[in-house]
PDB file of all heavy atoms in Angstrom:
ATOM      1  N   ALA A   1    -111.753 -30.119 -99.428  1.00  0.00           N
ATOM      2  CA  ALA A   1    -110.720 -29.942 -98.404  1.00  0.00           C
ATOM      3  C   ALA A   1    -109.369 -29.540 -98.976  1.00  0.00           C
ATOM      4  O   ALA A   1    -108.547 -28.937 -98.289  1.00  0.00           O
ATOM      5  CB  ALA A   1    -110.574 -31.231 -97.584  1.00  0.00           C
ATOM      6  N   GLY A   2    -109.114 -29.889-100.225  1.00  0.00           N
ATOM      7  CA  GLY A   2    -107.834 -29.540-100.829  1.00  0.00           C
ATOM      8  C   GLY A   2    -106.741 -30.521-100.453  1.00  0.00           C
ATOM      9  O   GLY A   2    -106.940 -31.437 -99.653  1.00  0.00           O
ATOM     10  N   GLY A   3    -105.579 -30.338-101.050  1.00  0.00           N
ATOM     11  CA  GLY A   3    -104.468 -31.256-100.785  1.00  0.00           C
ATOM     12  C   GLY A   3    -104.668 -32.562-101.539  1.00  0.00           C
ATOM     13  O   GLY A   3    -105.145 -32.589-102.672  1.00  0.00           O
ATOM     14  N   ARG A   4    -104.330 -33.653-100.892  1.00  0.00           N
ATOM     15  CA  ARG A   4    -104.439 -34.970-101.521  1.00  0.00           C
ATOM     16  C   ARG A   4    -105.905 -35.356-101.711  1.00  0.00           C
ATOM     17  O   ARG A   4    -106.814 -34.722-101.168  1.00  0.00           O
ATOM     18  CB  ARG A   4    -103.741 -36.020-100.662  1.00  0.00           C
ATOM     19  CG  ARG A   4    -104.366 -36.177 -99.278  1.00  0.00           C
ATOM     20  CD  ARG A   4    -103.868 -37.406 -98.570  1.00  0.00           C
ATOM     21  NE  ARG A   4    -104.395 -37.499 -97.215  1.00  0.00           N
ATOM     22  CZ  ARG A   4    -105.610 -37.934 -96.919  1.00  0.00           C
ATOM     23  NH1 ARG A   4    -106.448 -38.291 -97.886  1.00  0.00           N
ATOM     24  NH2 ARG A   4    -106.003 -38.007 -95.663  1.00  0.00           N
ATOM     25  N   ARG A   5    -106.112 -36.452-102.455  1.00  0.00           N
ATOM     26  CA  ARG A   5    -107.463 -37.004-102.577  1.00  0.00           C
ATOM     27  C   ARG A   5    -107.948 -37.499-101.228  1.00  0.00           C
ATOM     28  O   ARG A   5    -107.157 -37.935-100.388  1.00  0.00           O
ATOM     29  CB  ARG A   5    -107.447 -38.171-103.568  1.00  0.00           C
ATOM     30  CG  ARG A   5    -107.152 -37.781-105.001  1.00  0.00           C
ATOM     31  CD  ARG A   5    -106.793 -39.011-105.810  1.00  0.00           C
ATOM     32  NE  ARG A   5    -106.675 -38.730-107.227  1.00  0.00           N
ATOM     33  CZ  ARG A   5    -105.886 -39.406-108.055  1.00  0.00           C
ATOM     34  NH1 ARG A   5    -105.146 -40.406-107.595  1.00  0.00           N
ATOM     35  NH2 ARG A   5    -105.842 -39.098-109.339  1.00  0.00           N
ATOM     36  N   HIS A   6    -109.263 -37.456-101.031  1.00  0.00           N
ATOM     37  CA  HIS A   6    -109.848 -37.905 -99.776  1.00  0.00           C
ATOM     38  C   HIS A   6    -110.768 -39.101-100.009  1.00  0.00           C
ATOM     39  O   HIS A   6    -111.354 -39.251-101.087  1.00  0.00           O
ATOM     40  CB  HIS A   6    -110.610 -36.765 -99.102  1.00  0.00           C
ATOM     41  CG  HIS A   6    -109.703 -35.699 -98.562  1.00  0.00           C
ATOM     42  ND1 HIS A   6    -109.136 -34.737 -99.360  1.00  0.00           N
ATOM     43  CD2 HIS A   6    -109.247 -35.461 -97.303  1.00  0.00           C
ATOM     44  CE1 HIS A   6    -108.377 -33.949 -98.612  1.00  0.00           C
ATOM     45  NE2 HIS A   6    -108.422 -34.362 -97.372  1.00  0.00           N
ATOM     46  N   LEU A   7    -110.875 -39.929 -98.981  1.00  0.00           N
ATOM     47  CA  LEU A   7    -111.653 -41.161 -99.050  1.00  0.00           C
ATOM     48  C   LEU A   7    -112.794 -41.135 -98.047  1.00  0.00           C
ATOM     49  O   LEU A   7    -112.582 -40.907 -96.849  1.00  0.00           O
ATOM     50  CB  LEU A   7    -110.772 -42.375 -98.743  1.00  0.00           C
ATOM     51  CG  LEU A   7    -109.585 -42.643 -99.675  1.00  0.00           C
ATOM     52  CD1 LEU A   7    -108.713 -43.760 -99.106  1.00  0.00           C
ATOM     53  CD2 LEU A   7    -110.067 -42.995-101.069  1.00  0.00           C
ATOM     54  N   LEU A   8    -114.004 -41.377 -98.541  1.00  0.00           N
ATOM     55  CA  LEU A   8    -115.186 -41.520 -97.691  1.00  0.00           C
ATOM     56  C   LEU A   8    -115.687 -42.956 -97.833  1.00  0.00           C
ATOM     57  O   LEU A   8    -115.968 -43.413 -98.940  1.00  0.00           O
ATOM     58  CB  LEU A   8    -116.274 -40.541 -98.129  1.00  0.00           C
ATOM     59  CG  LEU A   8    -117.680 -40.766 -97.565  1.00  0.00           C
ATOM     60  CD1 LEU A   8    -117.685 -40.665 -96.037  1.00  0.00           C
ATOM     61  CD2 LEU A   8    -118.667 -39.776 -98.172  1.00  0.00           C
ATOM     62  N   GLY A   9    -115.769 -43.663 -96.714  1.00  0.00           N
ATOM     63  CA  GLY A   9    -116.222 -45.047 -96.746  1.00  0.00           C
ATOM     64  C   GLY A   9    -117.600 -45.204 -96.121  1.00  0.00           C
ATOM     65  O   GLY A   9    -117.900 -44.589 -95.095  1.00  0.00           O
ATOM     66  N   ILE A  10    -118.434 -46.028 -96.751  1.00  0.00           N
ATOM     67  CA  ILE A  10    -119.769 -46.328 -96.234  1.00  0.00           C
ATOM     68  C   ILE A  10    -119.860 -47.832 -96.011  1.00  0.00           C
ATOM     69  O   ILE A  10    -119.728 -48.614 -96.953  1.00  0.00           O
ATOM     70  CB  ILE A  10    -120.876 -45.863 -97.206  1.00  0.00           C
ATOM     71  CG1 ILE A  10    -120.730 -44.365 -97.506  1.00  0.00           C
ATOM     72  CG2 ILE A  10    -122.255 -46.166 -96.616  1.00  0.00           C
ATOM     73  CD1 ILE A  10    -121.702 -43.860 -98.569  1.00  0.00           C
ATOM     74  N   ALA A  11    -120.069 -48.227 -94.765  1.00  0.00           N
ATOM     75  CA  ALA A  11    -120.121 -49.639 -94.393  1.00  0.00           C
ATOM     76  C   ALA A  11    -121.525 -50.010 -93.932  1.00  0.00           C
ATOM     77  O   ALA A  11    -122.335 -49.152 -93.592  1.00  0.00           O
ATOM     78  CB  ALA A  11    -119.112 -49.932 -93.275  1.00  0.00           C
ATOM     79  N   GLY A  12    -121.786 -51.316 -93.897  1.00  0.00           N
ATOM     80  CA  GLY A  12    -123.072 -51.809 -93.427  1.00  0.00           C
ATOM     81  C   GLY A  12    -123.278 -53.236 -93.870  1.00  0.00           C
ATOM     82  O   GLY A  12    -122.519 -53.767 -94.685  1.00  0.00           O
ATOM     83  N   ALA A  13    -124.293 -53.869 -93.330  1.00  0.00           N
ATOM     84  CA  ALA A  13    -124.608 -55.249 -93.684  1.00  0.00           C
ATOM     85  C   ALA A  13    -125.131 -55.326 -95.118  1.00  0.00           C
ATOM     86  O   ALA A  13    -125.536 -54.304 -95.692  1.00  0.00           O
ATOM     87  CB  ALA A  13    -125.636 -55.817 -92.710  1.00  0.00           C
ATOM     88  N   PRO A  14    -125.142 -56.510 -95.717  1.00  0.00           N
ATOM     89  CA  PRO A  14    -125.666 -56.655 -97.083  1.00  0.00           C
ATOM     90  C   PRO A  14    -127.092 -56.126 -97.205  1.00  0.00           C
ATOM     91  O   PRO A  14    -127.940 -56.389 -96.352  1.00  0.00           O
ATOM     92  CB  PRO A  14    -125.618 -58.173 -97.313  1.00  0.00           C
ATOM     93  CG  PRO A  14    -124.532 -58.666 -96.419  1.00  0.00           C
ATOM     94  CD  PRO A  14    -124.611 -57.792 -95.197  1.00  0.00           C
ATOM     95  N   ALA A  15    -127.350 -55.345 -98.250  1.00  0.00           N
ATOM     96  CA  ALA A  15    -128.667 -54.788 -98.568  1.00  0.00           C
ATOM     97  C   ALA A  15    -129.146 -53.740 -97.572  1.00  0.00           C
ATOM     98  O   ALA A  15    -130.337 -53.463 -97.478  1.00  0.00           O
ATOM     99  CB  ALA A  15    -129.719 -55.887 -98.706  1.00  0.00           C
ATOM    100  N   SER A  16    -128.221 -53.114 -96.856  1.00  0.00           N
ATOM    101  CA  SER A  16    -128.615 -52.070 -95.902  1.00  0.00           C
ATOM    102  C   SER A  16    -128.810 -50.712 -96.570  1.00  0.00           C
ATOM    103  O   SER A  16    -129.383 -49.804 -95.964  1.00  0.00           O
ATOM    104  CB  SER A  16    -127.563 -51.951 -94.786  1.00  0.00           C
ATOM    105  OG  SER A  16    -126.287 -51.676 -95.327  1.00  0.00           O
ATOM    106  N   GLY A  17    -128.324 -50.561 -97.804  1.00  0.00           N
ATOM    107  CA  GLY A  17    -128.493 -49.302 -98.518  1.00  0.00           C
ATOM    108  C   GLY A  17    -127.200 -48.593 -98.861  1.00  0.00           C
ATOM    109  O   GLY A  17    -127.225 -47.447 -99.329  1.00  0.00           O
ATOM    110  N   LYS A  18    -126.069 -49.258 -98.661  1.00  0.00           N
ATOM    111  CA  LYS A  18    -124.763 -48.643 -98.919  1.00  0.00           C
ATOM    112  C   LYS A  18    -124.619 -48.156-100.352  1.00  0.00           C
ATOM    113  O   LYS A  18    -124.246 -47.004-100.604  1.00  0.00           O
ATOM    114  CB  LYS A  18    -123.636 -49.645 -98.629  1.00  0.00           C
ATOM    115  CG  LYS A  18    -123.623 -50.245 -97.248  1.00  0.00           C
ATOM    116  CD  LYS A  18    -122.472 -51.216 -97.073  1.00  0.00           C
ATOM    117  CE  LYS A  18    -122.514 -52.385 -98.053  1.00  0.00           C
ATOM    118  NZ  LYS A  18    -123.691 -53.255 -97.858  1.00  0.00           N
ATOM    119  N   SER A  19    -124.896 -49.050-101.299  1.00  0.00           N
ATOM    120  CA  SER A  19    -124.716 -48.716-102.713  1.00  0.00           C
ATOM    121  C   SER A  19    -125.644 -47.588-103.145  1.00  0.00           C
ATOM    122  O   SER A  19    -125.247 -46.698-103.912  1.00  0.00           O
ATOM    123  CB  SER A  19    -124.961 -49.948-103.586  1.00  0.00           C
ATOM    124  OG  SER A  19    -124.052 -50.978-103.272  1.00  0.00           O
ATOM    125  N   THR A  20    -126.871 -47.619-102.638  1.00  0.00           N
ATOM    126  CA  THR A  20    -127.845 -46.580-102.999  1.00  0.00           C
ATOM    127  C   THR A  20    -127.399 -45.219-102.496  1.00  0.00           C
ATOM    128  O   THR A  20    -127.423 -44.219-103.230  1.00  0.00           O
ATOM    129  CB  THR A  20    -129.229 -46.922-102.427  1.00  0.00           C
ATOM    130  OG1 THR A  20    -129.654 -48.183-102.953  1.00  0.00           O
ATOM    131  CG2 THR A  20    -130.242 -45.853-102.780  1.00  0.00           C
ATOM    132  N   LEU A  21    -126.974 -45.164-101.239  1.00  0.00           N
ATOM    133  CA  LEU A  21    -126.518 -43.900-100.665  1.00  0.00           C
ATOM    134  C   LEU A  21    -125.276 -43.402-101.392  1.00  0.00           C
ATOM    135  O   LEU A  21    -125.189 -42.211-101.735  1.00  0.00           O
ATOM    136  CB  LEU A  21    -126.228 -44.068 -99.175  1.00  0.00           C
ATOM    137  CG  LEU A  21    -125.611 -42.857 -98.469  1.00  0.00           C
ATOM    138  CD1 LEU A  21    -126.483 -41.615 -98.630  1.00  0.00           C
ATOM    139  CD2 LEU A  21    -125.372 -43.162 -96.990  1.00  0.00           C
ATOM    140  N   ALA A  22    -124.324 -44.285-101.635  1.00  0.00           N
ATOM    141  CA  ALA A  22    -123.091 -43.883-102.320  1.00  0.00           C
ATOM    142  C   ALA A  22    -123.400 -43.333-103.709  1.00  0.00           C
ATOM    143  O   ALA A  22    -122.864 -42.297-104.115  1.00  0.00           O
ATOM    144  CB  ALA A  22    -122.133 -45.070-102.414  1.00  0.00           C
ATOM    145  N   ALA A  23    -124.280 -44.009-104.443  1.00  0.00           N
ATOM    146  CA  ALA A  23    -124.638 -43.557-105.793  1.00  0.00           C
ATOM    147  C   ALA A  23    -125.338 -42.202-105.759  1.00  0.00           C
ATOM    148  O   ALA A  23    -125.100 -41.337-106.626  1.00  0.00           O
ATOM    149  CB  ALA A  23    -125.524 -44.596-106.470  1.00  0.00           C
ATOM    150  N   GLU A  24    -126.191 -41.995-104.760  1.00  0.00           N
ATOM    151  CA  GLU A  24    -126.883 -40.709-104.641  1.00  0.00           C
ATOM    152  C   GLU A  24    -125.893 -39.578-104.367  1.00  0.00           C
ATOM    153  O   GLU A  24    -126.000 -38.490-104.947  1.00  0.00           O
ATOM    154  CB  GLU A  24    -127.927 -40.780-103.527  1.00  0.00           C
ATOM    155  CG  GLU A  24    -129.164 -41.572-103.900  1.00  0.00           C
ATOM    156  CD  GLU A  24    -130.262 -41.466-102.856  1.00  0.00           C
ATOM    157  OE1 GLU A  24    -130.105 -40.666-101.893  1.00  0.00           O
ATOM    158  OE2 GLU A  24    -131.285 -42.169-103.007  1.00  0.00           O
ATOM    159  N   LEU A  25    -124.935 -39.830-103.506  1.00  0.00           N
ATOM    160  CA  LEU A  25    -123.937 -38.811-103.194  1.00  0.00           C
ATOM    161  C   LEU A  25    -123.086 -38.487-104.414  1.00  0.00           C
ATOM    162  O   LEU A  25    -122.799 -37.319-104.696  1.00  0.00           O
ATOM    163  CB  LEU A  25    -123.040 -39.277-102.047  1.00  0.00           C
ATOM    164  CG  LEU A  25    -123.665 -39.279-100.656  1.00  0.00           C
ATOM    165  CD1 LEU A  25    -122.748 -39.988 -99.672  1.00  0.00           C
ATOM    166  CD2 LEU A  25    -123.951 -37.855-100.186  1.00  0.00           C
ATOM    167  N   VAL A  26    -122.681 -39.526-105.141  1.00  0.00           N
ATOM    168  CA  VAL A  26    -121.869 -39.313-106.340  1.00  0.00           C
ATOM    169  C   VAL A  26    -122.652 -38.503-107.372  1.00  0.00           C
ATOM    170  O   VAL A  26    -122.115 -37.587-108.006  1.00  0.00           O
ATOM    171  CB  VAL A  26    -121.404 -40.659-106.926  1.00  0.00           C
ATOM    172  CG1 VAL A  26    -120.793 -40.465-108.311  1.00  0.00           C
ATOM    173  CG2 VAL A  26    -120.390 -41.321-105.996  1.00  0.00           C
ATOM    174  N   ALA A  27    -123.934 -38.821-107.554  1.00  0.00           N
ATOM    175  CA  ALA A  27    -124.755 -38.085-108.516  1.00  0.00           C
ATOM    176  C   ALA A  27    -124.914 -36.623-108.093  1.00  0.00           C
ATOM    177  O   ALA A  27    -124.809 -35.705-108.922  1.00  0.00           O
ATOM    178  CB  ALA A  27    -126.117 -38.749-108.649  1.00  0.00           C
ATOM    179  N   GLU A  28    -125.168 -36.401-106.809  1.00  0.00           N
ATOM    180  CA  GLU A  28    -125.375 -35.037-106.298  1.00  0.00           C
ATOM    181  C   GLU A  28    -124.093 -34.217-106.397  1.00  0.00           C
ATOM    182  O   GLU A  28    -124.089 -33.086-106.907  1.00  0.00           O
ATOM    183  CB  GLU A  28    -125.842 -35.105-104.850  1.00  0.00           C
ATOM    184  CG  GLU A  28    -126.289 -33.789-104.262  1.00  0.00           C
ATOM    185  CD  GLU A  28    -127.704 -33.412-104.647  1.00  0.00           C
ATOM    186  OE1 GLU A  28    -128.503 -34.326-104.943  1.00  0.00           O
ATOM    187  OE2 GLU A  28    -128.009 -32.208-104.667  1.00  0.00           O
ATOM    188  N   LEU A  29    -123.003 -34.792-105.922  1.00  0.00           N
ATOM    189  CA  LEU A  29    -121.732 -34.071-105.935  1.00  0.00           C
ATOM    190  C   LEU A  29    -121.186 -33.930-107.349  1.00  0.00           C
ATOM    191  O   LEU A  29    -120.555 -32.920-107.677  1.00  0.00           O
ATOM    192  CB  LEU A  29    -120.718 -34.798-105.050  1.00  0.00           C
ATOM    193  CG  LEU A  29    -121.026 -34.804-103.555  1.00  0.00           C
ATOM    194  CD1 LEU A  29    -120.098 -35.767-102.820  1.00  0.00           C
ATOM    195  CD2 LEU A  29    -120.896 -33.401-102.976  1.00  0.00           C
ATOM    196  N   GLY A  30    -121.427 -34.947-108.176  1.00  0.00           N
ATOM    197  CA  GLY A  30    -120.959 -34.865-109.549  1.00  0.00           C
ATOM    198  C   GLY A  30    -121.647 -33.774-110.330  1.00  0.00           C
ATOM    199  O   GLY A  30    -121.062 -33.188-111.252  1.00  0.00           O
ATOM    200  N   GLY A  31    -122.892 -33.466-109.955  1.00  0.00           N
ATOM    201  CA  GLY A  31    -123.606 -32.388-110.623  1.00  0.00           C
ATOM    202  C   GLY A  31    -123.046 -31.022-110.282  1.00  0.00           C
ATOM    203  O   GLY A  31    -122.960 -30.140-111.137  1.00  0.00           O
ATOM    204  N   SER A  32    -122.653 -30.845-109.021  1.00  0.00           N
ATOM    205  CA  SER A  32    -122.133 -29.550-108.581  1.00  0.00           C
ATOM    206  C   SER A  32    -120.620 -29.428-108.728  1.00  0.00           C
ATOM    207  O   SER A  32    -120.080 -28.325-108.766  1.00  0.00           O
ATOM    208  CB  SER A  32    -122.519 -29.299-107.118  1.00  0.00           C
ATOM    209  OG  SER A  32    -122.040 -30.346-106.283  1.00  0.00           O
ATOM    210  N   HIS A  33    -119.934 -30.591-108.793  1.00  0.00           N
ATOM    211  CA  HIS A  33    -118.469 -30.608-108.921  1.00  0.00           C
ATOM    212  C   HIS A  33    -118.089 -31.622-110.003  1.00  0.00           C
ATOM    213  O   HIS A  33    -117.560 -32.701-109.693  1.00  0.00           O
ATOM    214  CB  HIS A  33    -117.802 -30.990-107.599  1.00  0.00           C
ATOM    215  CG  HIS A  33    -118.110 -30.071-106.452  1.00  0.00           C
ATOM    216  ND1 HIS A  33    -119.329 -30.092-105.781  1.00  0.00           N
ATOM    217  CD2 HIS A  33    -117.363 -29.111-105.851  1.00  0.00           C
ATOM    218  CE1 HIS A  33    -119.303 -29.186-104.816  1.00  0.00           C
ATOM    219  NE2 HIS A  33    -118.129 -28.574-104.847  1.00  0.00           N
ATOM    220  N   PRO A  34    -118.348 -31.319-111.260  1.00  0.00           N
ATOM    221  CA  PRO A  34    -118.122 -32.291-112.338  1.00  0.00           C
ATOM    222  C   PRO A  34    -116.684 -32.816-112.375  1.00  0.00           C
ATOM    223  O   PRO A  34    -115.732 -32.034-112.267  1.00  0.00           O
ATOM    224  CB  PRO A  34    -118.439 -31.489-113.612  1.00  0.00           C
ATOM    225  CG  PRO A  34    -119.330 -30.385-113.158  1.00  0.00           C
ATOM    226  CD  PRO A  34    -118.867 -30.032-111.774  1.00  0.00           C
ATOM    227  N   GLY A  35    -116.567 -34.131-112.473  1.00  0.00           N
ATOM    228  CA  GLY A  35    -115.260 -34.760-112.614  1.00  0.00           C
ATOM    229  C   GLY A  35    -114.445 -34.873-111.348  1.00  0.00           C
ATOM    230  O   GLY A  35    -113.310 -35.362-111.370  1.00  0.00           O
ATOM    231  N   ARG A  36    -115.025 -34.478-110.204  1.00  0.00           N
ATOM    232  CA  ARG A  36    -114.213 -34.443-108.985  1.00  0.00           C
ATOM    233  C   ARG A  36    -114.572 -35.523-107.973  1.00  0.00           C
ATOM    234  O   ARG A  36    -113.998 -35.560-106.883  1.00  0.00           O
ATOM    235  CB  ARG A  36    -114.322 -33.053-108.338  1.00  0.00           C
ATOM    236  CG  ARG A  36    -113.686 -31.960-109.188  1.00  0.00           C
ATOM    237  CD  ARG A  36    -113.644 -30.652-108.437  1.00  0.00           C
ATOM    238  NE  ARG A  36    -112.920 -30.774-107.179  1.00  0.00           N
ATOM    239  CZ  ARG A  36    -112.971 -29.857-106.196  1.00  0.00           C
ATOM    240  NH1 ARG A  36    -113.725 -28.772-106.349  1.00  0.00           N
ATOM    241  NH2 ARG A  36    -112.289 -30.043-105.082  1.00  0.00           N
ATOM    242  N   VAL A  37    -115.508 -36.393-108.301  1.00  0.00           N
ATOM    243  CA  VAL A  37    -115.891 -37.457-107.371  1.00  0.00           C
ATOM    244  C   VAL A  37    -115.991 -38.765-108.137  1.00  0.00           C
ATOM    245  O   VAL A  37    -116.411 -38.799-109.301  1.00  0.00           O
ATOM    246  CB  VAL A  37    -117.223 -37.115-106.659  1.00  0.00           C
ATOM    247  CG1 VAL A  37    -118.344 -36.952-107.647  1.00  0.00           C
ATOM    248  CG2 VAL A  37    -117.566 -38.180-105.622  1.00  0.00           C
ATOM    249  N   ALA A  38    -115.567 -39.853-107.496  1.00  0.00           N
ATOM    250  CA  ALA A  38    -115.614 -41.178-108.117  1.00  0.00           C
ATOM    251  C   ALA A  38    -116.142 -42.189-107.114  1.00  0.00           C
ATOM    252  O   ALA A  38    -116.052 -41.988-105.894  1.00  0.00           O
ATOM    253  CB  ALA A  38    -114.230 -41.597-108.610  1.00  0.00           C
ATOM    254  N   LEU A  39    -116.689 -43.276-107.638  1.00  0.00           N
ATOM    255  CA  LEU A  39    -117.270 -44.333-106.806  1.00  0.00           C
ATOM    256  C   LEU A  39    -116.447 -45.604-106.956  1.00  0.00           C
ATOM    257  O   LEU A  39    -116.165 -46.046-108.071  1.00  0.00           O
ATOM    258  CB  LEU A  39    -118.712 -44.587-107.231  1.00  0.00           C
ATOM    259  CG  LEU A  39    -119.479 -45.692-106.491  1.00  0.00           C
ATOM    260  CD1 LEU A  39    -119.573 -45.385-105.004  1.00  0.00           C
ATOM    261  CD2 LEU A  39    -120.869 -45.853-107.096  1.00  0.00           C
ATOM    262  N   LEU A  40    -116.073 -46.191-105.821  1.00  0.00           N
ATOM    263  CA  LEU A  40    -115.279 -47.416-105.804  1.00  0.00           C
ATOM    264  C   LEU A  40    -115.914 -48.399-104.834  1.00  0.00           C
ATOM    265  O   LEU A  40    -116.054 -48.107-103.643  1.00  0.00           O
ATOM    266  CB  LEU A  40    -113.840 -47.099-105.367  1.00  0.00           C
ATOM    267  CG  LEU A  40    -112.916 -48.284-105.112  1.00  0.00           C
ATOM    268  CD1 LEU A  40    -112.713 -49.099-106.377  1.00  0.00           C
ATOM    269  CD2 LEU A  40    -111.582 -47.795-104.562  1.00  0.00           C
ATOM    270  N   GLY A  41    -116.313 -49.574-105.319  1.00  0.00           N
ATOM    271  CA  GLY A  41    -116.947 -50.569-104.471  1.00  0.00           C
ATOM    272  C   GLY A  41    -115.963 -51.608-103.965  1.00  0.00           C
ATOM    273  O   GLY A  41    -115.137 -52.116-104.731  1.00  0.00           O
TER     274      GLY A  41
END
């Protein structure tokens, strides 16, 4: 999107799959956009 950094949040109950989905997105995006995505829990 450009400009400032952007925040994507994933919510859900414990063990619903939040961490797994977030990690998959970071791995996928990190492969195509190295150094431009970070994961914060």
